[in-house]
Amino acid sequence: MNELLHKYWEGQSSLEEEQKLIAYFNSETVAPEHEVYRSIFNAFEEESVMKEDLDFDAFAKLASEEKPKDHSKIRVLKGLGIAAGFAALIAVGSNYIGTTETNTDLGTYEDPKEAYHATVEALQLVSTKFNNGRKNLKPLSEINNKTEKVFKTK
């Protein structure tokens, strides 16, 4: 029996061997050192005898408590949604129809020196924004340094 129990606990027993164990623990000739396992195998036996209630419906009570849908509210809400969509289209369309003038100024420079200075200013602005963003990440780098020391990743 000890060999069968060992195989069972290791998950290497066959169905026949498990049936032998169940029969053994249901009998009256269980060794005292195996008495500890008797309740476990008896629970398996009781579970296998239980019938499933296939007629059980968890949502049966909820279904009876549902209120019938008010279709007039749904129609009104759909109608309001459609009307709002048309109103948005008309507002956007009237904005485009009223403006026939096109903007030809693309922000270009005739003088190369002026273009260079504008480019340098734009890059300096991006650089300052980028550096300000990096300052916010400083606590994360400190956390990474601490975790590298703990987990010895470097």
Protein backbone atom coordinates (compact mmCIF):
# COMPACT_ATOMS: atom_id res chain seq x y z
CA MET A 1 0.00 0.00 0.00
CA ASN A 2 2.84 2.39 0.73
CA GLU A 3 4.07 2.02 -2.85
CA LEU A 4 0.58 2.73 -4.21
CA LEU A 5 0.21 5.77 -1.95
CA HIS A 6 3.59 7.07 -3.03
CA LYS A 7 2.68 6.67 -6.70
CA TYR A 8 -0.69 8.37 -6.04
CA TRP A 9 0.88 11.40 -4.34
CA GLU A 10 3.44 11.68 -7.15
CA GLY A 11 0.60 11.65 -9.73
CA GLN A 12 1.87 8.46 -11.38
CA SER A 13 -0.87 6.01 -10.39
CA SER A 14 -3.29 4.49 -12.87
CA LEU A 15 -7.06 4.52 -12.51
CA GLU A 16 -7.02 0.86 -11.45
CA GLU A 17 -4.50 1.61 -8.70
CA GLU A 18 -6.59 4.55 -7.51
CA GLN A 19 -9.66 2.28 -7.37
CA LYS A 20 -7.63 -0.17 -5.26
CA LEU A 21 -6.73 2.68 -2.88
CA ILE A 22 -10.35 3.76 -2.60
CA ALA A 23 -11.45 0.19 -1.91
CA TYR A 24 -8.67 -0.18 0.66
CA PHE A 25 -9.68 2.96 2.55
CA ASN A 26 -13.37 1.99 2.45
CA SER A 27 -12.57 -1.37 4.04
CA GLU A 28 -12.14 -1.99 7.73
CA THR A 29 -8.57 -3.30 7.39
CA VAL A 30 -6.76 0.04 7.12
CA ALA A 31 -3.35 0.13 8.77
CA PRO A 32 -3.01 2.64 11.63
CA GLU A 33 -0.36 4.68 9.78
CA HIS A 34 -2.79 5.06 6.86
CA GLU A 35 -5.77 6.21 8.94
CA VAL A 36 -4.77 9.82 8.27
CA TYR A 37 -5.64 9.42 4.59
CA ARG A 38 -8.97 7.66 5.12
CA SER A 39 -11.02 10.89 5.24
CA ILE A 40 -9.47 12.13 1.99
CA PHE A 41 -10.33 8.99 0.05
CA ASN A 42 -13.78 8.79 1.63
CA ALA A 43 -14.43 12.36 0.46
CA PHE A 44 -13.47 11.33 -3.07
CA GLU A 45 -15.94 8.47 -2.86
CA GLU A 46 -18.72 10.72 -1.59
CA GLU A 47 -18.01 13.24 -4.33
CA SER A 48 -18.25 10.60 -7.04
CA VAL A 49 -21.65 9.50 -5.72
CA MET A 50 -23.10 13.01 -5.85
CA LYS A 51 -25.39 13.79 -8.76
CA GLU A 52 -25.10 16.94 -10.75
CA ASP A 53 -28.17 19.11 -10.80
CA LEU A 54 -28.40 19.75 -14.53
CA ASP A 55 -31.64 21.70 -14.15
CA PHE A 56 -29.97 24.38 -12.05
CA ASP A 57 -30.11 27.83 -13.64
CA ALA A 58 -28.16 30.51 -11.81
CA PHE A 59 -29.85 33.29 -13.76
CA ALA A 60 -33.43 32.03 -13.43
CA LYS A 61 -34.22 34.39 -10.54
CA LEU A 62 -32.60 37.34 -12.29
CA ALA A 63 -34.47 36.71 -15.52
CA SER A 64 -37.84 36.85 -13.77
CA GLU A 65 -36.94 40.13 -12.06
CA GLU A 66 -35.98 41.91 -15.29
CA LYS A 67 -38.33 44.64 -16.36
CA PRO A 68 -39.70 44.55 -19.85
CA LYS A 69 -37.82 46.88 -22.17
CA ASP A 70 -39.48 50.15 -23.06
CA HIS A 71 -39.09 50.28 -26.84
CA SER A 72 -40.33 53.86 -27.08
CA LYS A 73 -37.38 55.09 -25.00
CA ILE A 74 -34.97 53.19 -27.24
CA ARG A 75 -36.52 54.73 -30.36
CA VAL A 76 -36.30 58.23 -28.87
CA LEU A 77 -32.65 57.76 -27.91
CA LYS A 78 -31.80 56.42 -31.38
CA GLY A 79 -33.56 59.37 -32.97
CA LEU A 80 -31.69 61.83 -30.76
CA GLY A 81 -28.39 60.20 -31.65
CA ILE A 82 -29.11 60.43 -35.36
CA ALA A 83 -30.21 64.06 -35.02
CA ALA A 84 -27.04 64.93 -33.09
CA GLY A 85 -24.94 63.29 -35.80
CA PHE A 86 -26.64 65.31 -38.53
CA ALA A 87 -26.24 68.52 -36.50
CA ALA A 88 -22.50 67.85 -36.15
CA LEU A 89 -22.16 67.17 -39.88
CA ILE A 90 -24.00 70.40 -40.74
CA ALA A 91 -21.85 72.43 -38.34
CA VAL A 92 -18.60 71.03 -39.73
CA GLY A 93 -19.80 71.25 -43.33
CA SER A 94 -20.90 74.87 -43.00
CA ASN A 95 -17.48 75.77 -41.61
CA TYR A 96 -15.74 74.32 -44.70
CA ILE A 97 -18.19 75.76 -47.22
CA GLY A 98 -17.84 79.30 -45.85
CA THR A 99 -14.05 79.38 -46.20
CA THR A 100 -12.88 79.28 -49.80
CA GLU A 101 -9.67 81.17 -49.13
CA THR A 102 -6.57 78.95 -48.83
CA ASN A 103 -3.61 79.75 -46.65
CA THR A 104 -0.47 79.71 -48.79
CA ASP A 105 1.94 80.64 -45.99
CA LEU A 106 3.67 77.44 -45.03
CA GLY A 107 6.13 79.04 -42.61
CA THR A 108 9.02 78.97 -45.03
CA TYR A 109 11.94 81.40 -44.93
CA GLU A 110 13.58 83.16 -47.87
CA ASP A 111 16.79 83.93 -46.00
CA PRO A 112 18.87 80.82 -45.05
CA LYS A 113 20.29 82.55 -41.95
CA GLU A 114 16.79 83.33 -40.71
CA ALA A 115 15.75 79.71 -41.31
CA TYR A 116 18.84 78.50 -39.43
CA HIS A 117 18.06 80.70 -36.40
CA ALA A 118 14.42 79.57 -36.35
CA THR A 119 15.54 75.94 -36.51
CA VAL A 120 18.03 76.44 -33.67
CA GLU A 121 15.31 78.06 -31.52
CA ALA A 122 12.92 75.18 -32.19
CA LEU A 123 15.58 72.61 -31.33
CA GLN A 124 16.47 74.46 -28.13
CA LEU A 125 12.80 74.44 -27.12
CA VAL A 126 12.58 70.70 -27.77
CA SER A 127 15.82 70.15 -25.84
CA THR A 128 14.60 72.03 -22.75
CA LYS A 129 11.30 70.13 -22.79
CA PHE A 130 13.14 66.85 -23.17
CA ASN A 131 15.52 67.63 -20.30
CA ASN A 132 12.62 68.65 -18.05
CA GLY A 133 11.01 65.30 -18.81
CA ARG A 134 14.23 63.48 -17.94
CA LYS A 135 14.31 65.20 -14.53
CA ASN A 136 11.00 63.51 -13.72
CA LEU A 137 12.58 60.13 -14.46
CA LYS A 138 15.46 60.56 -11.99
CA PRO A 139 13.66 58.70 -9.14
CA LEU A 140 13.18 55.74 -11.49
CA SER A 141 16.90 55.53 -12.18
CA GLU A 142 17.58 55.49 -8.45
CA ILE A 143 15.07 52.66 -8.02
CA ASN A 144 16.75 50.75 -10.87
CA ASN A 145 20.15 51.18 -9.22
CA LYS A 146 18.82 49.83 -5.91
CA THR A 147 17.15 46.82 -7.56
CA GLU A 148 20.32 46.08 -9.53
CA LYS A 149 22.24 45.93 -6.25
CA VAL A 150 19.63 43.66 -4.66
CA PHE A 151 19.22 41.30 -7.58
CA LYS A 152 22.84 41.65 -8.74
CA THR A 153 21.94 42.13 -12.37
CA LYS A 154 25.11 44.09 -13.17
